[in-house]
Amino acid sequence: MRRTGQRGMTLVELIVAFTIMALLTTMAVPLARYKVRRDRERELRYALREMRTAIDKYKDLADTGQLPPTEVTVDSDGYPVSLDILVEGVKLSGTVDKKVRLLRRIPKDPLTNTFDWGKRSTRDDPKSVSWGGQNVFDVFTRSIEKAGDGTPYAEW
């Protein structure tokens, strides 16, 4: 007795459909990983540029004499002593209460998911991963991962 009007898929059709879906999924996963990696790299570049610009602005203020002598120490060479100074703001010389904030906040490192950035002072070796503590001349990520071209993210 044959039933008419019933519709459905045979086992072969289900296997073929499942195989096609699995093939498409295996092709999509590497593309998704690549996109996530590119997004994190873009965020890292933006965060580094933002902090380095703030450090340069601080140095410019120190070099033009707009910072009082209490803000610029002999060891600092005109660079900020810490990143927190850029967020808290610095008083300009000749003003009573005017503070200039160079950073709204310290950005989160997209590779390590922390606010802990590597720092270099003017007296540190350029390839050093430890901070001398005199000033903040440069920042870098503490991630040990490498970019697609083989360069470590810490060297960006």
N, C-alpha and C. Protein backbone atom coordinates (compact mmCIF):
# COMPACT_ATOMS: atom_id res chain seq x y z
N MET A 1 0.84 -1.16 0.00
CA MET A 1 0.00 0.00 0.00
C MET A 1 0.90 1.24 0.00
N ARG A 2 0.74 2.06 -0.97
CA ARG A 2 1.58 3.23 -1.12
C ARG A 2 0.80 4.47 -0.74
N ARG A 3 1.49 5.33 0.03
CA ARG A 3 0.84 6.58 0.45
C ARG A 3 1.13 7.67 -0.57
N THR A 4 0.15 8.32 -1.01
CA THR A 4 0.33 9.39 -1.98
C THR A 4 0.18 10.72 -1.27
N GLY A 5 0.84 11.72 -1.79
CA GLY A 5 0.72 13.06 -1.23
C GLY A 5 1.71 13.34 -0.10
N GLN A 6 2.46 12.34 0.30
CA GLN A 6 3.46 12.60 1.34
C GLN A 6 4.72 13.12 0.70
N ARG A 7 5.29 14.06 1.40
CA ARG A 7 6.52 14.62 0.87
C ARG A 7 7.59 14.49 1.93
N GLY A 8 8.82 14.40 1.53
CA GLY A 8 9.94 14.30 2.45
C GLY A 8 11.21 14.04 1.67
N MET A 9 12.26 13.89 2.41
CA MET A 9 13.56 13.67 1.78
C MET A 9 14.02 12.24 2.07
N THR A 10 14.67 11.69 1.10
CA THR A 10 15.22 10.36 1.31
C THR A 10 16.53 10.47 2.07
N LEU A 11 17.04 9.37 2.52
CA LEU A 11 18.29 9.35 3.27
C LEU A 11 19.45 9.86 2.43
N VAL A 12 19.49 9.54 1.17
CA VAL A 12 20.56 10.00 0.28
C VAL A 12 20.52 11.51 0.15
N GLU A 13 19.33 12.06 -0.01
CA GLU A 13 19.21 13.52 -0.12
C GLU A 13 19.68 14.20 1.16
N LEU A 14 19.35 13.64 2.31
CA LEU A 14 19.80 14.21 3.58
C LEU A 14 21.32 14.16 3.71
N ILE A 15 21.93 13.07 3.31
CA ILE A 15 23.39 12.95 3.38
C ILE A 15 24.06 13.96 2.46
N VAL A 16 23.55 14.12 1.25
CA VAL A 16 24.11 15.09 0.32
C VAL A 16 23.98 16.52 0.86
N ALA A 17 22.81 16.85 1.39
CA ALA A 17 22.59 18.19 1.95
C ALA A 17 23.52 18.45 3.15
N PHE A 18 23.67 17.45 4.01
CA PHE A 18 24.54 17.58 5.17
C PHE A 18 26.00 17.74 4.73
N THR A 19 26.43 17.02 3.71
CA THR A 19 27.80 17.12 3.21
C THR A 19 28.07 18.50 2.64
N ILE A 20 27.12 19.04 1.91
CA ILE A 20 27.27 20.40 1.35
C ILE A 20 27.36 21.43 2.47
N MET A 21 26.51 21.30 3.48
CA MET A 21 26.56 22.23 4.62
C MET A 21 27.90 22.14 5.36
N ALA A 22 28.40 20.92 5.56
CA ALA A 22 29.68 20.74 6.24
C ALA A 22 30.82 21.35 5.43
N LEU A 23 30.78 21.20 4.13
CA LEU A 23 31.81 21.77 3.27
C LEU A 23 31.79 23.30 3.33
N LEU A 24 30.62 23.89 3.27
CA LEU A 24 30.51 25.34 3.36
C LEU A 24 30.97 25.86 4.72
N THR A 25 30.68 25.13 5.78
CA THR A 25 31.09 25.53 7.12
C THR A 25 32.61 25.48 7.25
N THR A 26 33.24 24.45 6.74
CA THR A 26 34.70 24.36 6.84
C THR A 26 35.40 25.45 6.03
N MET A 27 34.74 25.95 5.01
CA MET A 27 35.32 27.06 4.25
C MET A 27 35.10 28.38 4.96
N ALA A 28 34.04 28.52 5.73
CA ALA A 28 33.71 29.78 6.38
C ALA A 28 34.50 30.02 7.66
N VAL A 29 34.88 28.97 8.38
CA VAL A 29 35.57 29.14 9.66
C VAL A 29 36.91 29.87 9.51
N PRO A 30 37.78 29.50 8.56
CA PRO A 30 39.03 30.25 8.42
C PRO A 30 38.81 31.72 8.05
N LEU A 31 37.79 31.98 7.25
CA LEU A 31 37.49 33.37 6.91
C LEU A 31 37.04 34.16 8.13
N ALA A 32 36.26 33.54 8.98
CA ALA A 32 35.81 34.21 10.20
C ALA A 32 36.99 34.47 11.14
N ARG A 33 37.88 33.50 11.26
CA ARG A 33 39.08 33.70 12.11
C ARG A 33 39.94 34.83 11.56
N TYR A 34 40.11 34.88 10.26
CA TYR A 34 40.89 35.93 9.62
C TYR A 34 40.28 37.29 9.89
N LYS A 35 38.96 37.40 9.82
CA LYS A 35 38.29 38.67 10.08
C LYS A 35 38.47 39.10 11.53
N VAL A 36 38.35 38.17 12.46
CA VAL A 36 38.53 38.51 13.87
C VAL A 36 39.96 39.00 14.11
N ARG A 37 40.93 38.33 13.49
CA ARG A 37 42.33 38.73 13.64
C ARG A 37 42.56 40.13 13.09
N ARG A 38 42.01 40.41 11.91
CA ARG A 38 42.16 41.74 11.31
C ARG A 38 41.52 42.82 12.17
N ASP A 39 40.37 42.52 12.77
CA ASP A 39 39.71 43.49 13.64
C ASP A 39 40.57 43.79 14.87
N ARG A 40 41.15 42.76 15.46
CA ARG A 40 42.00 42.97 16.63
C ARG A 40 43.26 43.76 16.26
N GLU A 41 43.82 43.49 15.08
CA GLU A 41 44.99 44.25 14.62
C GLU A 41 44.63 45.72 14.41
N ARG A 42 43.46 45.97 13.86
CA ARG A 42 43.03 47.35 13.65
C ARG A 42 42.85 48.07 14.98
N GLU A 43 42.24 47.40 15.95
CA GLU A 43 42.07 47.99 17.28
C GLU A 43 43.42 48.26 17.94
N LEU A 44 44.37 47.34 17.76
CA LEU A 44 45.71 47.53 18.33
C LEU A 44 46.38 48.75 17.71
N ARG A 45 46.33 48.87 16.40
CA ARG A 45 46.93 50.04 15.74
C ARG A 45 46.31 51.34 16.25
N TYR A 46 44.99 51.35 16.38
CA TYR A 46 44.30 52.55 16.84
C TYR A 46 44.72 52.91 18.27
N ALA A 47 44.76 51.91 19.16
CA ALA A 47 45.12 52.17 20.56
C ALA A 47 46.56 52.67 20.66
N LEU A 48 47.47 52.05 19.92
CA LEU A 48 48.87 52.49 19.95
C LEU A 48 49.01 53.91 19.42
N ARG A 49 48.30 54.22 18.33
CA ARG A 49 48.37 55.56 17.76
C ARG A 49 47.82 56.60 18.74
N GLU A 50 46.73 56.25 19.40
CA GLU A 50 46.11 57.18 20.36
C GLU A 50 47.07 57.48 21.52
N MET A 51 47.69 56.44 22.09
CA MET A 51 48.59 56.66 23.22
C MET A 51 49.88 57.36 22.79
N ARG A 52 50.42 56.99 21.65
CA ARG A 52 51.66 57.62 21.18
C ARG A 52 51.43 59.09 20.84
N THR A 53 50.27 59.42 20.31
CA THR A 53 49.95 60.82 20.03
C THR A 53 49.86 61.62 21.32
N ALA A 54 49.25 61.03 22.36
CA ALA A 54 49.15 61.71 23.65
C ALA A 54 50.54 61.92 24.27
N ILE A 55 51.42 60.91 24.16
CA ILE A 55 52.78 61.04 24.68
C ILE A 55 53.51 62.15 23.93
N ASP A 56 53.35 62.22 22.61
CA ASP A 56 54.00 63.27 21.82
C ASP A 56 53.47 64.65 22.18
N LYS A 57 52.17 64.78 22.43
CA LYS A 57 51.61 66.07 22.83
C LYS A 57 52.18 66.52 24.18
N TYR A 58 52.32 65.56 25.11
CA TYR A 58 52.92 65.87 26.41
C TYR A 58 54.36 66.37 26.21
N LYS A 59 55.11 65.68 25.37
CA LYS A 59 56.51 66.08 25.09
C LYS A 59 56.54 67.47 24.48
N ASP A 60 55.62 67.76 23.55
CA ASP A 60 55.58 69.09 22.94
C ASP A 60 55.29 70.16 23.97
N LEU A 61 54.34 69.89 24.89
CA LEU A 61 54.04 70.86 25.95
C LEU A 61 55.26 71.09 26.84
N ALA A 62 55.99 70.03 27.14
CA ALA A 62 57.18 70.16 27.98
C ALA A 62 58.28 70.92 27.25
N ASP A 63 58.47 70.66 25.97
CA ASP A 63 59.53 71.32 25.21
C ASP A 63 59.26 72.81 25.00
N THR A 64 57.99 73.19 24.89
CA THR A 64 57.65 74.61 24.69
C THR A 64 57.53 75.36 26.01
N GLY A 65 57.74 74.68 27.12
CA GLY A 65 57.71 75.34 28.43
C GLY A 65 56.32 75.59 28.96
N GLN A 66 55.33 74.91 28.46
CA GLN A 66 53.97 75.11 28.92
C GLN A 66 53.64 74.30 30.16
N LEU A 67 54.52 73.38 30.56
CA LEU A 67 54.32 72.60 31.78
C LEU A 67 55.19 73.19 32.89
N PRO A 68 54.66 73.26 34.10
CA PRO A 68 55.47 73.78 35.20
C PRO A 68 56.64 72.83 35.52
N PRO A 69 57.70 73.35 36.13
CA PRO A 69 58.87 72.51 36.43
C PRO A 69 58.55 71.32 37.33
N THR A 70 57.48 71.39 38.11
CA THR A 70 57.13 70.27 38.97
C THR A 70 56.65 69.07 38.17
N GLU A 71 56.10 69.31 36.97
CA GLU A 71 55.61 68.22 36.11
C GLU A 71 56.74 67.54 35.35
N VAL A 72 57.77 68.30 35.02
CA VAL A 72 58.86 67.78 34.20
C VAL A 72 60.08 67.59 35.09
N THR A 73 60.44 66.35 35.34
CA THR A 73 61.61 66.06 36.17
C THR A 73 62.84 65.88 35.28
N VAL A 74 64.00 65.89 35.89
CA VAL A 74 65.25 65.76 35.14
C VAL A 74 65.33 64.39 34.47
N ASP A 75 64.90 63.34 35.18
CA ASP A 75 64.96 61.99 34.63
C ASP A 75 63.95 61.75 33.51
N SER A 76 62.91 62.55 33.46
CA SER A 76 61.84 62.25 32.50
C SER A 76 62.15 62.71 31.08
N ASP A 77 63.12 63.58 30.89
CA ASP A 77 63.47 64.09 29.56
C ASP A 77 62.29 64.74 28.85
N GLY A 78 61.33 65.21 29.59
CA GLY A 78 60.17 65.86 28.99
C GLY A 78 59.05 64.91 28.64
N TYR A 79 59.20 63.63 28.93
CA TYR A 79 58.15 62.65 28.67
C TYR A 79 57.37 62.39 29.95
N PRO A 80 56.14 61.89 29.84
CA PRO A 80 55.36 61.62 31.07
C PRO A 80 56.00 60.49 31.88
N VAL A 81 55.83 60.57 33.20
CA VAL A 81 56.38 59.56 34.10
C VAL A 81 55.55 58.29 34.05
N SER A 82 54.25 58.42 33.78
CA SER A 82 53.37 57.26 33.66
C SER A 82 52.24 57.59 32.68
N LEU A 83 51.52 56.57 32.28
CA LEU A 83 50.37 56.78 31.39
C LEU A 83 49.21 57.43 32.13
N ASP A 84 49.15 57.22 33.46
CA ASP A 84 48.05 57.79 34.24
C ASP A 84 48.06 59.32 34.21
N ILE A 85 49.23 59.92 34.09
CA ILE A 85 49.32 61.38 34.02
C ILE A 85 48.58 61.91 32.80
N LEU A 86 48.61 61.16 31.72
CA LEU A 86 47.94 61.59 30.50
C LEU A 86 46.42 61.57 30.67
N VAL A 87 45.93 60.66 31.51
CA VAL A 87 44.49 60.56 31.76
C VAL A 87 44.05 61.59 32.80
N GLU A 88 44.81 61.71 33.88
CA GLU A 88 44.46 62.65 34.94
C GLU A 88 44.55 64.09 34.47
N GLY A 89 45.48 64.37 33.60
CA GLY A 89 45.67 65.72 33.08
C GLY A 89 46.83 66.41 33.76
N VAL A 90 47.38 67.39 33.09
CA VAL A 90 48.51 68.16 33.61
C VAL A 90 48.13 69.63 33.64
N LYS A 91 48.59 70.31 34.68
CA LYS A 91 48.34 71.75 34.77
C LYS A 91 49.32 72.47 33.88
N LEU A 92 48.83 73.47 33.20
CA LEU A 92 49.68 74.28 32.36
C LEU A 92 50.31 75.38 33.21
N SER A 93 51.53 75.77 32.89
CA SER A 93 52.18 76.83 33.65
C SER A 93 51.49 78.15 33.35
N GLY A 94 51.37 78.97 34.37
CA GLY A 94 50.72 80.26 34.22
C GLY A 94 49.21 80.22 34.39
N THR A 95 48.65 79.06 34.68
CA THR A 95 47.21 78.95 34.92
C THR A 95 46.98 78.42 36.32
N VAL A 96 45.82 78.72 36.87
CA VAL A 96 45.52 78.31 38.23
C VAL A 96 44.97 76.89 38.28
N ASP A 97 43.86 76.66 37.62
CA ASP A 97 43.21 75.37 37.72
C ASP A 97 43.01 74.67 36.38
N LYS A 98 43.59 75.18 35.33
CA LYS A 98 43.35 74.59 34.02
C LYS A 98 44.24 73.35 33.84
N LYS A 99 43.57 72.22 33.63
CA LYS A 99 44.27 70.97 33.37
C LYS A 99 43.99 70.54 31.93
N VAL A 100 45.00 70.02 31.30
CA VAL A 100 44.86 69.49 29.96
C VAL A 100 44.93 67.98 30.04
N ARG A 101 43.84 67.33 29.66
CA ARG A 101 43.81 65.86 29.61
C ARG A 101 44.15 65.43 28.19
N LEU A 102 45.18 64.60 28.08
CA LEU A 102 45.64 64.18 26.77
C LEU A 102 45.04 62.84 26.32
N LEU A 103 44.52 62.08 27.28
CA LEU A 103 43.83 60.82 26.99
C LEU A 103 42.54 60.78 27.79
N ARG A 104 41.48 60.30 27.21
CA ARG A 104 40.23 60.13 27.96
C ARG A 104 40.34 58.95 28.91
N ARG A 105 40.98 57.89 28.43
CA ARG A 105 41.20 56.69 29.23
C ARG A 105 42.33 55.92 28.59
N ILE A 106 42.93 55.03 29.34
CA ILE A 106 43.93 54.14 28.77
C ILE A 106 43.18 53.04 28.04
N PRO A 107 43.42 52.87 26.75
CA PRO A 107 42.66 51.86 26.01
C PRO A 107 43.04 50.44 26.42
N LYS A 108 42.12 49.54 26.20
CA LYS A 108 42.36 48.13 26.50
C LYS A 108 43.16 47.51 25.36
N ASP A 109 44.13 46.70 25.72
CA ASP A 109 44.93 45.99 24.73
C ASP A 109 44.05 44.89 24.12
N PRO A 110 43.75 44.96 22.83
CA PRO A 110 42.84 43.97 22.24
C PRO A 110 43.43 42.57 22.15
N LEU A 111 44.74 42.44 22.23
CA LEU A 111 45.35 41.12 22.12
C LEU A 111 45.43 40.40 23.46
N THR A 112 45.67 41.15 24.54
CA THR A 112 45.77 40.52 25.85
C THR A 112 44.51 40.73 26.68
N ASN A 113 43.61 41.60 26.23
CA ASN A 113 42.37 41.91 26.95
C ASN A 113 42.62 42.50 28.33
N THR A 114 43.70 43.25 28.49
CA THR A 114 44.01 43.92 29.75
C THR A 114 44.36 45.38 29.46
N PHE A 115 44.49 46.13 30.52
CA PHE A 115 44.93 47.52 30.40
C PHE A 115 46.42 47.64 30.67
N ASP A 116 47.11 46.52 30.75
CA ASP A 116 48.53 46.48 31.06
C ASP A 116 49.34 46.52 29.77
N TRP A 117 49.91 47.66 29.47
CA TRP A 117 50.71 47.84 28.28
C TRP A 117 52.18 47.78 28.64
N GLY A 118 52.99 47.33 27.72
CA GLY A 118 54.43 47.40 27.89
C GLY A 118 54.89 48.82 27.65
N LYS A 119 55.87 49.27 28.42
CA LYS A 119 56.37 50.64 28.29
C LYS A 119 57.87 50.62 28.07
N ARG A 120 58.36 51.66 27.39
CA ARG A 120 59.80 51.85 27.23
C ARG A 120 60.12 53.29 27.59
N SER A 121 61.26 53.47 28.24
CA SER A 121 61.73 54.81 28.54
C SER A 121 62.82 55.18 27.54
N THR A 122 63.23 56.43 27.57
CA THR A 122 64.27 56.88 26.64
C THR A 122 65.60 56.20 26.93
N ARG A 123 65.78 55.69 28.11
CA ARG A 123 67.04 55.05 28.49
C ARG A 123 67.02 53.53 28.33
N ASP A 124 65.89 52.97 27.93
CA ASP A 124 65.79 51.53 27.71
C ASP A 124 66.32 51.16 26.33
N ASP A 125 66.72 49.91 26.20
CA ASP A 125 67.10 49.37 24.90
C ASP A 125 65.85 49.31 24.02
N PRO A 126 65.94 49.63 22.74
CA PRO A 126 64.75 49.62 21.87
C PRO A 126 64.03 48.27 21.80
N LYS A 127 64.73 47.18 21.99
CA LYS A 127 64.10 45.85 21.94
C LYS A 127 63.76 45.32 23.33
N SER A 128 63.98 46.12 24.35
CA SER A 128 63.75 45.67 25.73
C SER A 128 62.27 45.46 25.99
N VAL A 129 61.98 44.45 26.82
CA VAL A 129 60.59 44.21 27.22
C VAL A 129 60.35 44.62 28.67
N SER A 130 61.40 45.10 29.34
CA SER A 130 61.24 45.59 30.72
C SER A 130 61.40 47.10 30.71
N TRP A 131 60.69 47.73 31.60
CA TRP A 131 60.63 49.19 31.65
C TRP A 131 61.57 49.69 32.73
N GLY A 132 62.40 50.69 32.39
CA GLY A 132 63.33 51.29 33.34
C GLY A 132 62.64 52.16 34.37
N GLY A 133 61.49 52.74 34.04
CA GLY A 133 60.71 53.51 34.99
C GLY A 133 60.99 55.00 35.01
N GLN A 134 61.94 55.48 34.22
CA GLN A 134 62.23 56.91 34.24
C GLN A 134 61.12 57.73 33.60
N ASN A 135 60.61 57.27 32.47
CA ASN A 135 59.56 57.98 31.74
C ASN A 135 58.87 56.99 30.81
N VAL A 136 57.84 57.48 30.13
CA VAL A 136 57.15 56.65 29.13
C VAL A 136 57.42 57.27 27.77
N PHE A 137 58.35 56.68 27.07
CA PHE A 137 58.75 57.14 25.73
C PHE A 137 57.92 56.44 24.66
N ASP A 138 57.57 55.17 24.90
CA ASP A 138 56.83 54.38 23.92
C ASP A 138 56.02 53.32 24.64
N VAL A 139 54.98 52.81 23.97
CA VAL A 139 54.15 51.73 24.50
C VAL A 139 54.09 50.62 23.47
N PHE A 140 53.84 49.41 23.94
CA PHE A 140 53.70 48.25 23.06
C PHE A 140 52.83 47.22 23.75
N THR A 141 52.31 46.28 22.97
CA THR A 141 51.49 45.22 23.54
C THR A 141 52.39 44.16 24.17
N ARG A 142 51.89 43.51 25.19
CA ARG A 142 52.65 42.45 25.85
C ARG A 142 52.35 41.08 25.24
N SER A 143 51.60 41.05 24.18
CA SER A 143 51.26 39.79 23.51
C SER A 143 52.51 39.19 22.85
N ILE A 144 52.60 37.87 22.89
CA ILE A 144 53.73 37.20 22.24
C ILE A 144 53.34 36.66 20.87
N GLU A 145 52.13 36.96 20.42
CA GLU A 145 51.66 36.50 19.12
C GLU A 145 52.37 37.24 18.00
N LYS A 146 52.28 36.67 16.81
CA LYS A 146 52.88 37.30 15.63
C LYS A 146 51.78 37.63 14.62
N ALA A 147 52.04 38.67 13.85
CA ALA A 147 51.10 39.08 12.81
C ALA A 147 51.21 38.12 11.63
N GLY A 148 50.37 38.31 10.65
CA GLY A 148 50.36 37.44 9.48
C GLY A 148 51.67 37.49 8.70
N ASP A 149 52.38 38.62 8.74
CA ASP A 149 53.64 38.73 8.02
C ASP A 149 54.83 38.23 8.84
N GLY A 150 54.58 37.74 10.06
CA GLY A 150 55.64 37.16 10.88
C GLY A 150 56.26 38.10 11.89
N THR A 151 55.91 39.39 11.87
CA THR A 151 56.46 40.31 12.85
C THR A 151 55.70 40.20 14.16
N PRO A 152 56.39 40.21 15.28
CA PRO A 152 55.68 40.17 16.57
C PRO A 152 54.87 41.45 16.77
N TYR A 153 53.69 41.30 17.37
CA TYR A 153 52.85 42.47 17.65
C TYR A 153 53.55 43.44 18.58
N ALA A 154 54.45 42.95 19.43
CA ALA A 154 55.15 43.81 20.38
C ALA A 154 56.09 44.80 19.67
N GLU A 155 56.40 44.55 18.41
CA GLU A 155 57.28 45.45 17.67
C GLU A 155 56.51 46.49 16.86
N TRP A 156 55.20 46.49 16.93
CA TRP A 156 54.41 47.47 16.17
C TRP A 156 54.54 48.84 16.76
